[in-house]
């Protein structure tokens, strides 16, 4: 998988780059959304579940969103 680029917007909630990358690379669920942003749920380095939103532009994966996973994404885990 391509190494993602972390956009500044993904840092809005204070998540470190290391935790963002870990959650992205170790995701346990891909959320079935109908918009242009793909969302995955994965653990940070401490095991806390995070939601990571990304887009694919040309050959780049750009992470644009990261935060503690919301309940609506955890219901059917």
PDB file of N, CA and C in Angstrom:
ATOM      1  N   UNK A   1       0.842  -1.175   0.000  1.00  0.00           N
ATOM      2  CA  UNK A   1       0.000   0.000   0.000  1.00  0.00           C
ATOM      3  C   UNK A   1       0.890   1.242   0.000  1.00  0.00           C
ATOM      4  N   UNK A   2       0.417   2.284  -0.645  1.00  0.00           N
ATOM      5  CA  UNK A   2       1.158   3.539  -0.700  1.00  0.00           C
ATOM      6  C   UNK A   2       1.257   4.170   0.683  1.00  0.00           C
ATOM      7  N   UNK A   3       2.368   4.841   0.929  1.00  0.00           N
ATOM      8  CA  UNK A   3       2.508   5.590   2.187  1.00  0.00           C
ATOM      9  C   UNK A   3       1.639   6.842   2.073  1.00  0.00           C
ATOM     10  N   UNK A   4       0.730   7.037   3.014  1.00  0.00           N
ATOM     11  CA  UNK A   4      -0.185   8.170   2.905  1.00  0.00           C
ATOM     12  C   UNK A   4       0.488   9.498   3.217  1.00  0.00           C
ATOM     13  N   UNK A   5      -0.053  10.535   2.625  1.00  0.00           N
ATOM     14  CA  UNK A   5       0.307  11.912   2.950  1.00  0.00           C
ATOM     15  C   UNK A   5      -0.720  12.371   3.973  1.00  0.00           C
ATOM     16  N   UNK A   6      -0.261  12.961   5.059  1.00  0.00           N
ATOM     17  CA  UNK A   6      -1.186  13.430   6.092  1.00  0.00           C
ATOM     18  C   UNK A   6      -1.390  14.930   5.924  1.00  0.00           C
ATOM     19  N   UNK A   7      -2.596  15.298   5.531  1.00  0.00           N
ATOM     20  CA  UNK A   7      -2.959  16.696   5.325  1.00  0.00           C
ATOM     21  C   UNK A   7      -3.146  17.366   6.687  1.00  0.00           C
ATOM     22  N   UNK A   8      -2.916  18.666   6.748  1.00  0.00           N
ATOM     23  CA  UNK A   8      -3.080  19.401   8.010  1.00  0.00           C
ATOM     24  C   UNK A   8      -4.471  19.256   8.606  1.00  0.00           C
ATOM     25  N   UNK A   9      -5.485  19.094   7.778  1.00  0.00           N
ATOM     26  CA  UNK A   9      -6.851  18.950   8.296  1.00  0.00           C
ATOM     27  C   UNK A   9      -7.012  17.699   9.155  1.00  0.00           C
ATOM     28  N   UNK A  10      -6.159  16.686   8.948  1.00  0.00           N
ATOM     29  CA  UNK A  10      -6.238  15.453   9.735  1.00  0.00           C
ATOM     30  C   UNK A  10      -5.691  15.651  11.146  1.00  0.00           C
ATOM     31  N   UNK A  11      -5.041  16.771  11.385  1.00  0.00           N
ATOM     32  CA  UNK A  11      -4.432  17.027  12.690  1.00  0.00           C
ATOM     33  C   UNK A  11      -5.313  17.915  13.579  1.00  0.00           C
ATOM     34  N   UNK A  12      -6.502  18.218  13.102  1.00  0.00           N
ATOM     35  CA  UNK A  12      -7.421  19.124  13.793  1.00  0.00           C
ATOM     36  C   UNK A  12      -7.742  18.674  15.220  1.00  0.00           C
ATOM     37  N   UNK A  13      -7.817  17.354  15.439  1.00  0.00           N
ATOM     38  CA  UNK A  13      -8.181  16.821  16.757  1.00  0.00           C
ATOM     39  C   UNK A  13      -6.958  16.442  17.590  1.00  0.00           C
ATOM     40  N   UNK A  14      -5.760  16.834  17.149  1.00  0.00           N
ATOM     41  CA  UNK A  14      -4.560  16.624  17.934  1.00  0.00           C
ATOM     42  C   UNK A  14      -3.982  15.221  17.887  1.00  0.00           C
ATOM     43  N   UNK A  15      -4.349  14.428  16.890  1.00  0.00           N
ATOM     44  CA  UNK A  15      -3.825  13.070  16.750  1.00  0.00           C
ATOM     45  C   UNK A  15      -2.434  13.149  16.107  1.00  0.00           C
ATOM     46  N   UNK A  16      -1.475  12.421  16.659  1.00  0.00           N
ATOM     47  CA  UNK A  16      -0.108  12.458  16.118  1.00  0.00           C
ATOM     48  C   UNK A  16      -0.026  11.725  14.781  1.00  0.00           C
ATOM     49  N   UNK A  17       0.960  12.104  13.988  1.00  0.00           N
ATOM     50  CA  UNK A  17       1.190  11.436  12.699  1.00  0.00           C
ATOM     51  C   UNK A  17       1.397   9.934  12.885  1.00  0.00           C
ATOM     52  N   UNK A  18       2.132   9.547  13.925  1.00  0.00           N
ATOM     53  CA  UNK A  18       2.401   8.129  14.168  1.00  0.00           C
ATOM     54  C   UNK A  18       1.121   7.357  14.446  1.00  0.00           C
ATOM     55  N   UNK A  19       0.233   7.934  15.243  1.00  0.00           N
ATOM     56  CA  UNK A  19      -1.039   7.277  15.541  1.00  0.00           C
ATOM     57  C   UNK A  19      -1.945   7.227  14.313  1.00  0.00           C
ATOM     58  N   UNK A  20      -1.923   8.284  13.512  1.00  0.00           N
ATOM     59  CA  UNK A  20      -2.715   8.301  12.278  1.00  0.00           C
ATOM     60  C   UNK A  20      -2.237   7.196  11.342  1.00  0.00           C
ATOM     61  N   UNK A  21      -0.945   7.124  11.129  1.00  0.00           N
ATOM     62  CA  UNK A  21      -0.398   6.094  10.221  1.00  0.00           C
ATOM     63  C   UNK A  21      -0.680   4.685  10.738  1.00  0.00           C
ATOM     64  N   UNK A  22      -0.520   4.481  12.046  1.00  0.00           N
ATOM     65  CA  UNK A  22      -0.755   3.149  12.608  1.00  0.00           C
ATOM     66  C   UNK A  22      -2.209   2.723  12.398  1.00  0.00           C
ATOM     67  N   UNK A  23      -3.140   3.607  12.702  1.00  0.00           N
ATOM     68  CA  UNK A  23      -4.558   3.282  12.522  1.00  0.00           C
ATOM     69  C   UNK A  23      -4.879   3.013  11.056  1.00  0.00           C
ATOM     70  N   UNK A  24      -4.291   3.797  10.160  1.00  0.00           N
ATOM     71  CA  UNK A  24      -4.524   3.616   8.729  1.00  0.00           C
ATOM     72  C   UNK A  24      -3.984   2.271   8.245  1.00  0.00           C
ATOM     73  N   UNK A  25      -2.769   1.936   8.625  1.00  0.00           N
ATOM     74  CA  UNK A  25      -2.129   0.709   8.143  1.00  0.00           C
ATOM     75  C   UNK A  25      -2.665  -0.557   8.808  1.00  0.00           C
ATOM     76  N   UNK A  26      -3.312  -0.431   9.963  1.00  0.00           N
ATOM     77  CA  UNK A  26      -3.801  -1.596  10.699  1.00  0.00           C
ATOM     78  C   UNK A  26      -5.321  -1.574  10.848  1.00  0.00           C
ATOM     79  N   UNK A  27      -6.002  -0.991   9.870  1.00  0.00           N
ATOM     80  CA  UNK A  27      -7.453  -0.858  10.024  1.00  0.00           C
ATOM     81  C   UNK A  27      -8.132  -2.223  10.130  1.00  0.00           C
ATOM     82  N   UNK A  28      -9.227  -2.238  10.892  1.00  0.00           N
ATOM     83  CA  UNK A  28      -9.982  -3.477  11.102  1.00  0.00           C
ATOM     84  C   UNK A  28     -11.339  -3.452  10.413  1.00  0.00           C
ATOM     85  N   UNK A  29     -11.713  -2.280   9.948  1.00  0.00           N
ATOM     86  CA  UNK A  29     -13.008  -2.166   9.272  1.00  0.00           C
ATOM     87  C   UNK A  29     -12.979  -0.993   8.310  1.00  0.00           C
ATOM     88  N   UNK A  30     -13.513  -1.220   7.119  1.00  0.00           N
ATOM     89  CA  UNK A  30     -13.716  -0.128   6.180  1.00  0.00           C
ATOM     90  C   UNK A  30     -15.186   0.228   6.228  1.00  0.00           C
ATOM     91  N   UNK A  31     -15.479   1.484   6.459  1.00  0.00           N
ATOM     92  CA  UNK A  31     -16.852   1.942   6.605  1.00  0.00           C
ATOM     93  C   UNK A  31     -17.461   2.121   5.230  1.00  0.00           C
ATOM     94  N   UNK A  32     -18.677   1.657   5.079  1.00  0.00           N
ATOM     95  CA  UNK A  32     -19.383   1.747   3.808  1.00  0.00           C
ATOM     96  C   UNK A  32     -20.100   3.091   3.719  1.00  0.00           C
ATOM     97  N   UNK A  33     -19.412   4.087   3.239  1.00  0.00           N
ATOM     98  CA  UNK A  33     -19.987   5.418   3.084  1.00  0.00           C
ATOM     99  C   UNK A  33     -20.258   5.659   1.599  1.00  0.00           C
ATOM    100  N   UNK A  34     -21.165   6.551   1.307  1.00  0.00           N
ATOM    101  CA  UNK A  34     -21.523   6.802  -0.085  1.00  0.00           C
ATOM    102  C   UNK A  34     -20.981   8.134  -0.591  1.00  0.00           C
ATOM    103  N   UNK A  35     -19.995   8.691   0.108  1.00  0.00           N
ATOM    104  CA  UNK A  35     -19.425   9.951  -0.363  1.00  0.00           C
ATOM    105  C   UNK A  35     -18.039   9.721  -0.951  1.00  0.00           C
ATOM    106  N   UNK A  36     -17.340  10.774  -1.242  1.00  0.00           N
ATOM    107  CA  UNK A  36     -16.035  10.676  -1.896  1.00  0.00           C
ATOM    108  C   UNK A  36     -14.901  10.339  -0.932  1.00  0.00           C
ATOM    109  N   UNK A  37     -15.171  10.379   0.360  1.00  0.00           N
ATOM    110  CA  UNK A  37     -14.142  10.108   1.360  1.00  0.00           C
ATOM    111  C   UNK A  37     -14.277   8.662   1.834  1.00  0.00           C
ATOM    112  N   UNK A  38     -13.168   7.939   1.811  1.00  0.00           N
ATOM    113  CA  UNK A  38     -13.129   6.584   2.361  1.00  0.00           C
ATOM    114  C   UNK A  38     -12.815   6.695   3.843  1.00  0.00           C
ATOM    115  N   UNK A  39     -13.476   5.894   4.664  1.00  0.00           N
ATOM    116  CA  UNK A  39     -13.227   5.916   6.099  1.00  0.00           C
ATOM    117  C   UNK A  39     -12.896   4.512   6.564  1.00  0.00           C
ATOM    118  N   UNK A  40     -11.818   4.414   7.361  1.00  0.00           N
ATOM    119  CA  UNK A  40     -11.453   3.140   7.972  1.00  0.00           C
ATOM    120  C   UNK A  40     -11.374   3.337   9.481  1.00  0.00           C
ATOM    121  N   UNK A  41     -11.584   2.246  10.203  1.00  0.00           N
ATOM    122  CA  UNK A  41     -11.470   2.231  11.651  1.00  0.00           C
ATOM    123  C   UNK A  41     -10.274   1.355  11.996  1.00  0.00           C
ATOM    124  N   UNK A  42      -9.365   1.887  12.800  1.00  0.00           N
ATOM    125  CA  UNK A  42      -8.187   1.130  13.186  1.00  0.00           C
ATOM    126  C   UNK A  42      -7.637   1.624  14.511  1.00  0.00           C
ATOM    127  N   UNK A  43      -6.774   0.825  15.136  1.00  0.00           N
ATOM    128  CA  UNK A  43      -6.219   1.205  16.439  1.00  0.00           C
ATOM    129  C   UNK A  43      -5.024   2.144  16.321  1.00  0.00           C
ATOM    130  N   UNK A  44      -4.936   3.068  17.280  1.00  0.00           N
ATOM    131  CA  UNK A  44      -3.713   3.855  17.369  1.00  0.00           C
ATOM    132  C   UNK A  44      -2.662   3.016  18.094  1.00  0.00           C
ATOM    133  N   UNK A  45      -1.525   3.589  18.415  1.00  0.00           N
ATOM    134  CA  UNK A  45      -0.442   2.834  19.045  1.00  0.00           C
ATOM    135  C   UNK A  45      -0.803   2.315  20.437  1.00  0.00           C
ATOM    136  N   UNK A  46      -1.819   2.904  21.074  1.00  0.00           N
ATOM    137  CA  UNK A  46      -2.264   2.457  22.398  1.00  0.00           C
ATOM    138  C   UNK A  46      -3.470   1.538  22.328  1.00  0.00           C
ATOM    139  N   UNK A  47      -3.955   1.267  21.126  1.00  0.00           N
ATOM    140  CA  UNK A  47      -5.107   0.384  20.964  1.00  0.00           C
ATOM    141  C   UNK A  47      -6.445   1.087  20.952  1.00  0.00           C
ATOM    142  N   UNK A  48      -6.457   2.403  21.061  1.00  0.00           N
ATOM    143  CA  UNK A  48      -7.708   3.164  20.976  1.00  0.00           C
ATOM    144  C   UNK A  48      -8.177   3.178  19.533  1.00  0.00           C
ATOM    145  N   UNK A  49      -9.467   2.939  19.311  1.00  0.00           N
ATOM    146  CA  UNK A  49      -9.974   2.915  17.945  1.00  0.00           C
ATOM    147  C   UNK A  49     -10.144   4.333  17.400  1.00  0.00           C
ATOM    148  N   UNK A  50      -9.628   4.515  16.192  1.00  0.00           N
ATOM    149  CA  UNK A  50      -9.641   5.800  15.518  1.00  0.00           C
ATOM    150  C   UNK A  50     -10.420   5.677  14.217  1.00  0.00           C
ATOM    151  N   UNK A  51     -10.983   6.782  13.772  1.00  0.00           N
ATOM    152  CA  UNK A  51     -11.538   6.817  12.422  1.00  0.00           C
ATOM    153  C   UNK A  51     -10.616   7.684  11.583  1.00  0.00           C
ATOM    154  N   UNK A  52     -10.278   7.152  10.441  1.00  0.00           N
ATOM    155  CA  UNK A  52      -9.356   7.812   9.529  1.00  0.00           C
ATOM    156  C   UNK A  52     -10.064   7.993   8.196  1.00  0.00           C
ATOM    157  N   UNK A  53     -10.136   9.231   7.725  1.00  0.00           N
ATOM    158  CA  UNK A  53     -10.753   9.526   6.437  1.00  0.00           C
ATOM    159  C   UNK A  53      -9.683   9.900   5.428  1.00  0.00           C
ATOM    160  N   UNK A  54      -9.814   9.337   4.241  1.00  0.00           N
ATOM    161  CA  UNK A  54      -8.804   9.627   3.218  1.00  0.00           C
ATOM    162  C   UNK A  54      -9.434   9.685   1.838  1.00  0.00           C
ATOM    163  N   UNK A  55      -8.694  10.305   0.931  1.00  0.00           N
ATOM    164  CA  UNK A  55      -9.071  10.359  -0.481  1.00  0.00           C
ATOM    165  C   UNK A  55      -7.884   9.863  -1.289  1.00  0.00           C
ATOM    166  N   UNK A  56      -8.156   9.389  -2.484  1.00  0.00           N
ATOM    167  CA  UNK A  56      -7.099   8.969  -3.398  1.00  0.00           C
ATOM    168  C   UNK A  56      -7.112   9.938  -4.567  1.00  0.00           C
ATOM    169  N   UNK A  57      -5.998  10.605  -4.775  1.00  0.00           N
ATOM    170  CA  UNK A  57      -5.843  11.555  -5.882  1.00  0.00           C
ATOM    171  C   UNK A  57      -4.664  11.096  -6.723  1.00  0.00           C
ATOM    172  N   UNK A  58      -4.940  10.775  -7.972  1.00  0.00           N
ATOM    173  CA  UNK A  58      -3.914  10.243  -8.870  1.00  0.00           C
ATOM    174  C   UNK A  58      -3.294   9.001  -8.222  1.00  0.00           C
ATOM    175  N   UNK A  59      -2.053   9.081  -7.823  1.00  0.00           N
ATOM    176  CA  UNK A  59      -1.400   7.926  -7.198  1.00  0.00           C
ATOM    177  C   UNK A  59      -1.120   8.171  -5.719  1.00  0.00           C
ATOM    178  N   UNK A  60      -1.724   9.203  -5.124  1.00  0.00           N
ATOM    179  CA  UNK A  60      -1.490   9.539  -3.725  1.00  0.00           C
ATOM    180  C   UNK A  60      -2.695   9.208  -2.858  1.00  0.00           C
ATOM    181  N   UNK A  61      -2.409   8.701  -1.677  1.00  0.00           N
ATOM    182  CA  UNK A  61      -3.414   8.544  -0.631  1.00  0.00           C
ATOM    183  C   UNK A  61      -3.216   9.720   0.312  1.00  0.00           C
ATOM    184  N   UNK A  62      -4.272  10.517   0.488  1.00  0.00           N
ATOM    185  CA  UNK A  62      -4.173  11.708   1.329  1.00  0.00           C
ATOM    186  C   UNK A  62      -5.157  11.568   2.486  1.00  0.00           C
ATOM    187  N   UNK A  63      -4.615  11.481   3.694  1.00  0.00           N
ATOM    188  CA  UNK A  63      -5.458  11.395   4.883  1.00  0.00           C
ATOM    189  C   UNK A  63      -5.889  12.810   5.244  1.00  0.00           C
ATOM    190  N   UNK A  64      -7.205  13.004   5.318  1.00  0.00           N
ATOM    191  CA  UNK A  64      -7.736  14.340   5.561  1.00  0.00           C
ATOM    192  C   UNK A  64      -8.517  14.443   6.867  1.00  0.00           C
ATOM    193  N   UNK A  65      -8.696  13.309   7.563  1.00  0.00           N
ATOM    194  CA  UNK A  65      -9.512  13.308   8.779  1.00  0.00           C
ATOM    195  C   UNK A  65      -9.004  12.231   9.723  1.00  0.00           C
ATOM    196  N   UNK A  66      -8.916  12.563  11.007  1.00  0.00           N
ATOM    197  CA  UNK A  66      -8.606  11.563  12.027  1.00  0.00           C
ATOM    198  C   UNK A  66      -9.175  12.025  13.357  1.00  0.00           C
ATOM    199  N   UNK A  67      -9.758  11.080  14.056  1.00  0.00           N
ATOM    200  CA  UNK A  67     -10.284  11.367  15.391  1.00  0.00           C
ATOM    201  C   UNK A  67     -10.630  10.054  16.073  1.00  0.00           C
ATOM    202  N   UNK A  68     -10.947  10.135  17.357  1.00  0.00           N
ATOM    203  CA  UNK A  68     -11.419   8.967  18.081  1.00  0.00           C
ATOM    204  C   UNK A  68     -12.674   8.461  17.360  1.00  0.00           C
ATOM    205  N   UNK A  69     -12.770   7.152  17.182  1.00  0.00           N
ATOM    206  CA  UNK A  69     -13.895   6.581  16.436  1.00  0.00           C
ATOM    207  C   UNK A  69     -15.221   6.890  17.121  1.00  0.00           C
ATOM    208  N   UNK A  70     -16.158   7.360  16.339  1.00  0.00           N
ATOM    209  CA  UNK A  70     -17.488   7.668  16.851  1.00  0.00           C
ATOM    210  C   UNK A  70     -18.328   6.397  16.940  1.00  0.00           C
ATOM    211  N   UNK A  71     -19.291   6.429  17.847  1.00  0.00           N
ATOM    212  CA  UNK A  71     -20.149   5.277  18.114  1.00  0.00           C
ATOM    213  C   UNK A  71     -20.833   4.742  16.855  1.00  0.00           C
ATOM    214  N   UNK A  72     -21.252   5.633  15.963  1.00  0.00           N
ATOM    215  CA  UNK A  72     -21.969   5.183  14.767  1.00  0.00           C
ATOM    216  C   UNK A  72     -21.123   4.257  13.905  1.00  0.00           C
ATOM    217  N   UNK A  73     -19.792   4.349  13.993  1.00  0.00           N
ATOM    218  CA  UNK A  73     -18.916   3.481  13.225  1.00  0.00           C
ATOM    219  C   UNK A  73     -18.538   2.210  13.984  1.00  0.00           C
ATOM    220  N   UNK A  74     -18.842   2.165  15.272  1.00  0.00           N
ATOM    221  CA  UNK A  74     -18.450   1.027  16.096  1.00  0.00           C
ATOM    222  C   UNK A  74     -19.593   0.053  16.368  1.00  0.00           C
ATOM    223  N   UNK A  75     -20.807   0.414  16.002  1.00  0.00           N
ATOM    224  CA  UNK A  75     -21.984  -0.397  16.339  1.00  0.00           C
ATOM    225  C   UNK A  75     -21.875  -1.861  15.908  1.00  0.00           C
ATOM    226  N   UNK A  76     -21.389  -2.113  14.731  1.00  0.00           N
ATOM    227  CA  UNK A  76     -21.401  -3.493  14.206  1.00  0.00           C
ATOM    228  C   UNK A  76     -20.019  -4.124  14.148  1.00  0.00           C
ATOM    229  N   UNK A  77     -19.125  -3.701  15.010  1.00  0.00           N
ATOM    230  CA  UNK A  77     -17.789  -4.311  15.029  1.00  0.00           C
ATOM    231  C   UNK A  77     -17.826  -5.680  15.668  1.00  0.00           C
TER     232      UNK A  77
END
